[in-house]
Amino acid sequence: MPIILLIKGILIGLMVSVPVGPVGVMCIQRTMNRGLKAGVVSGLGAASADTFYAVISSCGIGFIFTFIQKQIFWIQFLGAIILILIAIKIFYTNPAVEIRNSKNKKVKPMEEFISIFFITLSNPTVFFVFIALLASLKVFSGKINYLSGLFVISGVFAGAMLWWYLLSSIVNKFRNKIKLKQIWWLNKIMAVVVFIFGMIVLVNVVLST
């Protein structure tokens, strides 16, 4: 039934998004510094990248999978470099200035979206996670068709966006209750966490060659 496929898709979207990795940390940091819109738009970038991998997993787009396998070194290498550079930027950013600017300037949605989209996309292991989840939940136990695939993909996107919206909303709710000095320290801690994630990926990529 279509509704069952939609529900399973939502569950997959949630299960892929909930683990707090570098993308989650960055989403929290942006919400703290620039407000709910920045957090939601960043989450939209992550959800879009996850949905892209879900499309490949469910539709079996062979040539894209082959390309990812062949270029996995550069995809992960560039992703690690981007993470490290963003971590450095976060570390040296003054949250007081960002918070003040967020009140006077509009958030740049495209910039927020693209950066998170490509960071999420630089982790091709998500592809294999989707394959495992699709298999374990018996999403396509019968014949695969475009309609069933559409329901699953829509569910994955909805589940992922549900998580990112909830996360951003919760962080934004407590944002005004946290003192500026605490936000400053959170910025430093989150920058270090993102930097460590980037270095781990970079070391693993280099050692795997």
C-alpha atoms as a PDB file:
ATOM      1  CA  MET A   1       0.000   0.000   0.000  1.00  0.00           C
ATOM      2  CA  PRO A   2       1.289   3.510  -0.844  1.00  0.00           C
ATOM      3  CA  ILE A   3       0.710   4.807   2.697  1.00  0.00           C
ATOM      4  CA  ILE A   4       2.868   1.988   4.124  1.00  0.00           C
ATOM      5  CA  LEU A   5       5.676   2.844   1.710  1.00  0.00           C
ATOM      6  CA  LEU A   6       5.383   6.522   2.702  1.00  0.00           C
ATOM      7  CA  ILE A   7       5.613   5.650   6.410  1.00  0.00           C
ATOM      8  CA  LYS A   8       8.610   3.401   5.811  1.00  0.00           C
ATOM      9  CA  GLY A   9      10.259   6.205   3.838  1.00  0.00           C
ATOM     10  CA  ILE A  10       9.681   8.625   6.738  1.00  0.00           C
ATOM     11  CA  LEU A  11      11.231   6.138   9.173  1.00  0.00           C
ATOM     12  CA  ILE A  12      14.289   5.754   6.919  1.00  0.00           C
ATOM     13  CA  GLY A  13      14.637   9.535   6.615  1.00  0.00           C
ATOM     14  CA  LEU A  14      14.535   9.869  10.399  1.00  0.00           C
ATOM     15  CA  MET A  15      16.976   7.005  11.038  1.00  0.00           C
ATOM     16  CA  VAL A  16      19.520   8.438   8.603  1.00  0.00           C
ATOM     17  CA  SER A  17      19.233  12.013   9.929  1.00  0.00           C
ATOM     18  CA  VAL A  18      18.987  11.573  13.717  1.00  0.00           C
ATOM     19  CA  PRO A  19      22.615  10.485  14.434  1.00  0.00           C
ATOM     20  CA  VAL A  20      24.438  13.724  15.291  1.00  0.00           C
ATOM     21  CA  GLY A  21      27.449  14.047  12.991  1.00  0.00           C
ATOM     22  CA  PRO A  22      29.194  17.121  11.596  1.00  0.00           C
ATOM     23  CA  VAL A  23      26.059  18.187   9.715  1.00  0.00           C
ATOM     24  CA  GLY A  24      24.009  18.083  12.923  1.00  0.00           C
ATOM     25  CA  VAL A  25      26.637  20.084  14.781  1.00  0.00           C
ATOM     26  CA  MET A  26      26.716  22.711  12.019  1.00  0.00           C
ATOM     27  CA  CYS A  27      22.922  22.909  11.942  1.00  0.00           C
ATOM     28  CA  ILE A  28      22.882  23.558  15.706  1.00  0.00           C
ATOM     29  CA  GLN A  29      25.659  26.135  15.419  1.00  0.00           C
ATOM     30  CA  ARG A  30      23.919  28.041  12.620  1.00  0.00           C
ATOM     31  CA  THR A  31      20.617  28.043  14.496  1.00  0.00           C
ATOM     32  CA  MET A  32      22.354  29.375  17.613  1.00  0.00           C
ATOM     33  CA  ASN A  33      24.114  32.136  15.690  1.00  0.00           C
ATOM     34  CA  ARG A  34      21.697  33.021  12.905  1.00  0.00           C
ATOM     35  CA  GLY A  35      18.286  31.780  13.953  1.00  0.00           C
ATOM     36  CA  LEU A  36      15.667  29.220  12.954  1.00  0.00           C
ATOM     37  CA  LYS A  37      15.698  29.987   9.221  1.00  0.00           C
ATOM     38  CA  ALA A  38      19.440  29.276   8.928  1.00  0.00           C
ATOM     39  CA  GLY A  39      19.013  25.959  10.749  1.00  0.00           C
ATOM     40  CA  VAL A  40      16.032  24.848   8.654  1.00  0.00           C
ATOM     41  CA  VAL A  41      17.685  25.805   5.352  1.00  0.00           C
ATOM     42  CA  SER A  42      20.826  23.911   6.401  1.00  0.00           C
ATOM     43  CA  GLY A  43      18.624  20.923   7.240  1.00  0.00           C
ATOM     44  CA  LEU A  44      17.009  21.236   3.805  1.00  0.00           C
ATOM     45  CA  GLY A  45      20.470  20.854   2.251  1.00  0.00           C
ATOM     46  CA  ALA A  46      21.133  17.703   4.267  1.00  0.00           C
ATOM     47  CA  ALA A  47      17.677  16.269   3.519  1.00  0.00           C
ATOM     48  CA  SER A  48      18.129  16.940  -0.210  1.00  0.00           C
ATOM     49  CA  ALA A  49      21.484  15.125  -0.274  1.00  0.00           C
ATOM     50  CA  ASP A  50      20.008  12.195   1.674  1.00  0.00           C
ATOM     51  CA  THR A  51      17.093  12.071  -0.761  1.00  0.00           C
ATOM     52  CA  PHE A  52      19.537  12.014  -3.681  1.00  0.00           C
ATOM     53  CA  TYR A  53      21.197   8.916  -2.231  1.00  0.00           C
ATOM     54  CA  ALA A  54      17.781   7.406  -1.527  1.00  0.00           C
ATOM     55  CA  VAL A  55      16.877   7.842  -5.214  1.00  0.00           C
ATOM     56  CA  ILE A  56      20.061   6.034  -6.276  1.00  0.00           C
ATOM     57  CA  SER A  57      19.459   3.257  -3.729  1.00  0.00           C
ATOM     58  CA  SER A  58      15.821   2.635  -4.602  1.00  0.00           C
ATOM     59  CA  CYS A  59      16.025   3.129  -8.357  1.00  0.00           C
ATOM     60  CA  GLY A  60      19.377   1.421  -8.857  1.00  0.00           C
ATOM     61  CA  ILE A  61      20.968   4.093 -11.024  1.00  0.00           C
ATOM     62  CA  GLY A  62      24.023   2.087 -11.952  1.00  0.00           C
ATOM     63  CA  PHE A  63      26.129   4.704 -13.708  1.00  0.00           C
ATOM     64  CA  ILE A  64      25.903   7.138 -10.765  1.00  0.00           C
ATOM     65  CA  PHE A  65      26.843   4.352  -8.349  1.00  0.00           C
ATOM     66  CA  THR A  66      29.809   3.419 -10.565  1.00  0.00           C
ATOM     67  CA  PHE A  67      30.906   7.064 -10.690  1.00  0.00           C
ATOM     68  CA  ILE A  68      30.732   7.327  -6.881  1.00  0.00           C
ATOM     69  CA  GLN A  69      32.801   4.154  -6.513  1.00  0.00           C
ATOM     70  CA  LYS A  70      35.457   5.408  -8.933  1.00  0.00           C
ATOM     71  CA  GLN A  71      35.636   8.919  -7.476  1.00  0.00           C
ATOM     72  CA  ILE A  72      35.089   8.021  -3.809  1.00  0.00           C
ATOM     73  CA  PHE A  73      38.614   9.178  -2.852  1.00  0.00           C
ATOM     74  CA  TRP A  74      38.141  12.706  -4.228  1.00  0.00           C
ATOM     75  CA  ILE A  75      34.562  12.966  -2.992  1.00  0.00           C
ATOM     76  CA  GLN A  76      35.585  12.112   0.567  1.00  0.00           C
ATOM     77  CA  PHE A  77      38.847  14.085   0.360  1.00  0.00           C
ATOM     78  CA  LEU A  78      37.090  17.283  -0.735  1.00  0.00           C
ATOM     79  CA  GLY A  79      34.361  16.710   1.848  1.00  0.00           C
ATOM     80  CA  ALA A  80      36.988  16.445   4.603  1.00  0.00           C
ATOM     81  CA  ILE A  81      38.748  19.624   3.436  1.00  0.00           C
ATOM     82  CA  ILE A  82      35.429  21.516   3.361  1.00  0.00           C
ATOM     83  CA  LEU A  83      34.652  20.334   6.907  1.00  0.00           C
ATOM     84  CA  ILE A  84      38.069  21.452   8.172  1.00  0.00           C
ATOM     85  CA  LEU A  85      37.770  24.881   6.508  1.00  0.00           C
ATOM     86  CA  ILE A  86      34.264  25.398   7.891  1.00  0.00           C
ATOM     87  CA  ALA A  87      35.482  24.348  11.361  1.00  0.00           C
ATOM     88  CA  ILE A  88      38.244  26.973  11.193  1.00  0.00           C
ATOM     89  CA  LYS A  89      35.721  29.595  10.072  1.00  0.00           C
ATOM     90  CA  ILE A  90      33.367  28.702  12.951  1.00  0.00           C
ATOM     91  CA  PHE A  91      36.234  28.809  15.467  1.00  0.00           C
ATOM     92  CA  TYR A  92      37.299  32.323  14.490  1.00  0.00           C
ATOM     93  CA  THR A  93      33.779  33.693  14.015  1.00  0.00           C
ATOM     94  CA  ASN A  94      32.526  36.105  16.639  1.00  0.00           C
ATOM     95  CA  PRO A  95      28.991  34.973  17.597  1.00  0.00           C
ATOM     96  CA  ALA A  96      28.120  38.456  18.858  1.00  0.00           C
ATOM     97  CA  VAL A  97      28.729  39.862  15.368  1.00  0.00           C
ATOM     98  CA  GLU A  98      26.769  37.039  13.719  1.00  0.00           C
ATOM     99  CA  ILE A  99      23.809  37.465  16.055  1.00  0.00           C
ATOM    100  CA  ARG A 100      23.822  41.228  15.486  1.00  0.00           C
ATOM    101  CA  ASN A 101      24.075  40.768  11.726  1.00  0.00           C
ATOM    102  CA  SER A 102      21.269  38.188  11.719  1.00  0.00           C
ATOM    103  CA  LYS A 103      18.963  40.879  13.093  1.00  0.00           C
ATOM    104  CA  ASN A 104      19.981  43.408  10.457  1.00  0.00           C
ATOM    105  CA  LYS A 105      20.612  41.170   7.420  1.00  0.00           C
ATOM    106  CA  LYS A 106      18.743  38.359   5.771  1.00  0.00           C
ATOM    107  CA  VAL A 107      20.100  34.829   5.976  1.00  0.00           C
ATOM    108  CA  LYS A 108      21.659  33.715   2.683  1.00  0.00           C
ATOM    109  CA  PRO A 109      19.578  30.578   2.030  1.00  0.00           C
ATOM    110  CA  MET A 110      21.513  29.417  -1.047  1.00  0.00           C
ATOM    111  CA  GLU A 111      24.843  29.647   0.762  1.00  0.00           C
ATOM    112  CA  GLU A 112      23.479  27.732   3.772  1.00  0.00           C
ATOM    113  CA  PHE A 113      21.866  25.104   1.530  1.00  0.00           C
ATOM    114  CA  ILE A 114      24.788  24.442  -0.836  1.00  0.00           C
ATOM    115  CA  SER A 115      27.451  24.095   1.864  1.00  0.00           C
ATOM    116  CA  ILE A 116      25.492  21.483   3.834  1.00  0.00           C
ATOM    117  CA  PHE A 117      24.283  19.717   0.677  1.00  0.00           C
ATOM    118  CA  PHE A 118      27.820  19.030  -0.555  1.00  0.00           C
ATOM    119  CA  ILE A 119      29.135  18.082   2.896  1.00  0.00           C
ATOM    120  CA  THR A 120      26.332  15.516   3.238  1.00  0.00           C
ATOM    121  CA  LEU A 121      26.899  14.371  -0.342  1.00  0.00           C
ATOM    122  CA  SER A 122      30.614  13.840   0.391  1.00  0.00           C
ATOM    123  CA  ASN A 123      29.687  10.855   2.561  1.00  0.00           C
ATOM    124  CA  PRO A 124      28.866   8.066   0.069  1.00  0.00           C
ATOM    125  CA  THR A 125      28.455   5.559   2.913  1.00  0.00           C
ATOM    126  CA  VAL A 126      24.942   7.009   3.227  1.00  0.00           C
ATOM    127  CA  PHE A 127      24.197   5.149  -0.017  1.00  0.00           C
ATOM    128  CA  PHE A 128      24.947   1.795   1.621  1.00  0.00           C
ATOM    129  CA  VAL A 129      22.978   2.782   4.735  1.00  0.00           C
ATOM    130  CA  PHE A 130      19.946   3.379   2.540  1.00  0.00           C
ATOM    131  CA  ILE A 131      20.394   0.004   0.847  1.00  0.00           C
ATOM    132  CA  ALA A 132      20.556  -1.698   4.252  1.00  0.00           C
ATOM    133  CA  LEU A 133      17.480   0.151   5.554  1.00  0.00           C
ATOM    134  CA  LEU A 134      15.477  -0.464   2.374  1.00  0.00           C
ATOM    135  CA  ALA A 135      16.280  -4.161   2.659  1.00  0.00           C
ATOM    136  CA  SER A 136      15.677  -4.493   6.408  1.00  0.00           C
ATOM    137  CA  LEU A 137      12.312  -2.728   6.234  1.00  0.00           C
ATOM    138  CA  LYS A 138      11.380  -4.763   3.136  1.00  0.00           C
ATOM    139  CA  VAL A 139      10.442  -1.589   1.289  1.00  0.00           C
ATOM    140  CA  PHE A 140      10.544  -3.171  -2.156  1.00  0.00           C
ATOM    141  CA  SER A 141       9.504  -6.731  -1.426  1.00  0.00           C
ATOM    142  CA  GLY A 142       7.427  -6.766  -4.593  1.00  0.00           C
ATOM    143  CA  LYS A 143       7.900  -5.295  -8.063  1.00  0.00           C
ATOM    144  CA  ILE A 144       9.476  -1.846  -8.092  1.00  0.00           C
ATOM    145  CA  ASN A 145       7.653   0.847 -10.059  1.00  0.00           C
ATOM    146  CA  TYR A 146       7.884   4.620 -10.332  1.00  0.00           C
ATOM    147  CA  LEU A 147       4.849   5.227  -8.107  1.00  0.00           C
ATOM    148  CA  SER A 148       6.132   3.108  -5.219  1.00  0.00           C
ATOM    149  CA  GLY A 149       9.565   4.707  -5.578  1.00  0.00           C
ATOM    150  CA  LEU A 150       7.969   8.168  -5.467  1.00  0.00           C
ATOM    151  CA  PHE A 151       6.194   7.392  -2.188  1.00  0.00           C
ATOM    152  CA  VAL A 152       9.392   6.051  -0.588  1.00  0.00           C
ATOM    153  CA  ILE A 153      11.513   9.004  -1.751  1.00  0.00           C
ATOM    154  CA  SER A 154       8.862  11.492  -0.606  1.00  0.00           C
ATOM    155  CA  GLY A 155       8.797   9.762   2.777  1.00  0.00           C
ATOM    156  CA  VAL A 156      12.605   9.891   3.098  1.00  0.00           C
ATOM    157  CA  PHE A 157      12.625  13.640   2.384  1.00  0.00           C
ATOM    158  CA  ALA A 158       9.695  14.260   4.758  1.00  0.00           C
ATOM    159  CA  GLY A 159      11.315  12.224   7.554  1.00  0.00           C
ATOM    160  CA  ALA A 160      14.665  13.967   7.160  1.00  0.00           C
ATOM    161  CA  MET A 161      13.086  17.435   7.079  1.00  0.00           C
ATOM    162  CA  LEU A 162      10.925  16.597  10.104  1.00  0.00           C
ATOM    163  CA  TRP A 163      14.055  15.843  12.117  1.00  0.00           C
ATOM    164  CA  TRP A 164      15.965  18.941  10.978  1.00  0.00           C
ATOM    165  CA  TYR A 165      12.976  21.197  11.652  1.00  0.00           C
ATOM    166  CA  LEU A 166      12.469  19.740  15.133  1.00  0.00           C
ATOM    167  CA  LEU A 167      16.187  20.043  15.936  1.00  0.00           C
ATOM    168  CA  SER A 168      16.367  23.647  14.701  1.00  0.00           C
ATOM    169  CA  SER A 169      13.143  24.591  16.520  1.00  0.00           C
ATOM    170  CA  ILE A 170      14.316  23.139  19.842  1.00  0.00           C
ATOM    171  CA  VAL A 171      17.710  24.854  19.584  1.00  0.00           C
ATOM    172  CA  ASN A 172      16.064  28.139  18.540  1.00  0.00           C
ATOM    173  CA  LYS A 173      13.641  27.949  21.483  1.00  0.00           C
ATOM    174  CA  PHE A 174      16.496  27.962  23.986  1.00  0.00           C
ATOM    175  CA  ARG A 175      18.689  30.270  21.909  1.00  0.00           C
ATOM    176  CA  ASN A 176      17.589  33.479  23.651  1.00  0.00           C
ATOM    177  CA  LYS A 177      17.985  31.902  27.092  1.00  0.00           C
ATOM    178  CA  ILE A 178      21.674  31.209  26.575  1.00  0.00           C
ATOM    179  CA  LYS A 179      24.130  33.981  27.387  1.00  0.00           C
ATOM    180  CA  LEU A 180      26.469  35.344  24.731  1.00  0.00           C
ATOM    181  CA  LYS A 181      29.533  34.009  26.564  1.00  0.00           C
ATOM    182  CA  GLN A 182      28.005  30.505  26.535  1.00  0.00           C
ATOM    183  CA  ILE A 183      27.306  30.794  22.799  1.00  0.00           C
ATOM    184  CA  TRP A 184      30.942  31.849  22.315  1.00  0.00           C
ATOM    185  CA  TRP A 185      32.148  28.694  24.085  1.00  0.00           C
ATOM    186  CA  LEU A 186      29.626  26.517  22.215  1.00  0.00           C
ATOM    187  CA  ASN A 187      30.989  27.928  18.958  1.00  0.00           C
ATOM    188  CA  LYS A 188      34.531  26.921  19.936  1.00  0.00           C
ATOM    189  CA  ILE A 189      33.474  23.437  21.055  1.00  0.00           C
ATOM    190  CA  MET A 190      31.397  22.820  17.919  1.00  0.00           C
ATOM    191  CA  ALA A 191      34.247  24.054  15.726  1.00  0.00           C
ATOM    192  CA  VAL A 192      36.596  21.557  17.380  1.00  0.00           C
ATOM    193  CA  VAL A 193      34.046  18.739  16.947  1.00  0.00           C
ATOM    194  CA  VAL A 194      33.580  19.523  13.229  1.00  0.00           C
ATOM    195  CA  PHE A 195      37.370  19.802  12.816  1.00  0.00           C
ATOM    196  CA  ILE A 196      37.854  16.363  14.427  1.00  0.00           C
ATOM    197  CA  PHE A 197      35.213  14.864  12.113  1.00  0.00           C
ATOM    198  CA  GLY A 198      37.012  16.368   9.118  1.00  0.00           C
ATOM    199  CA  MET A 199      40.433  15.123  10.262  1.00  0.00           C
ATOM    200  CA  ILE A 200      39.095  11.598  10.888  1.00  0.00           C
ATOM    201  CA  VAL A 201      37.641  11.468   7.371  1.00  0.00           C
ATOM    202  CA  LEU A 202      40.847  12.905   5.878  1.00  0.00           C
ATOM    203  CA  VAL A 203      43.100  10.425   7.719  1.00  0.00           C
ATOM    204  CA  ASN A 204      40.873   7.486   6.744  1.00  0.00           C
ATOM    205  CA  VAL A 205      40.886   8.575   3.093  1.00  0.00           C
ATOM    206  CA  VAL A 206      44.665   8.976   3.016  1.00  0.00           C
ATOM    207  CA  LEU A 207      45.308   5.663   4.787  1.00  0.00           C
ATOM    208  CA  SER A 208      42.908   3.812   2.483  1.00  0.00           C
ATOM    209  CA  THR A 209      44.911   4.732  -0.655  1.00  0.00           C
END
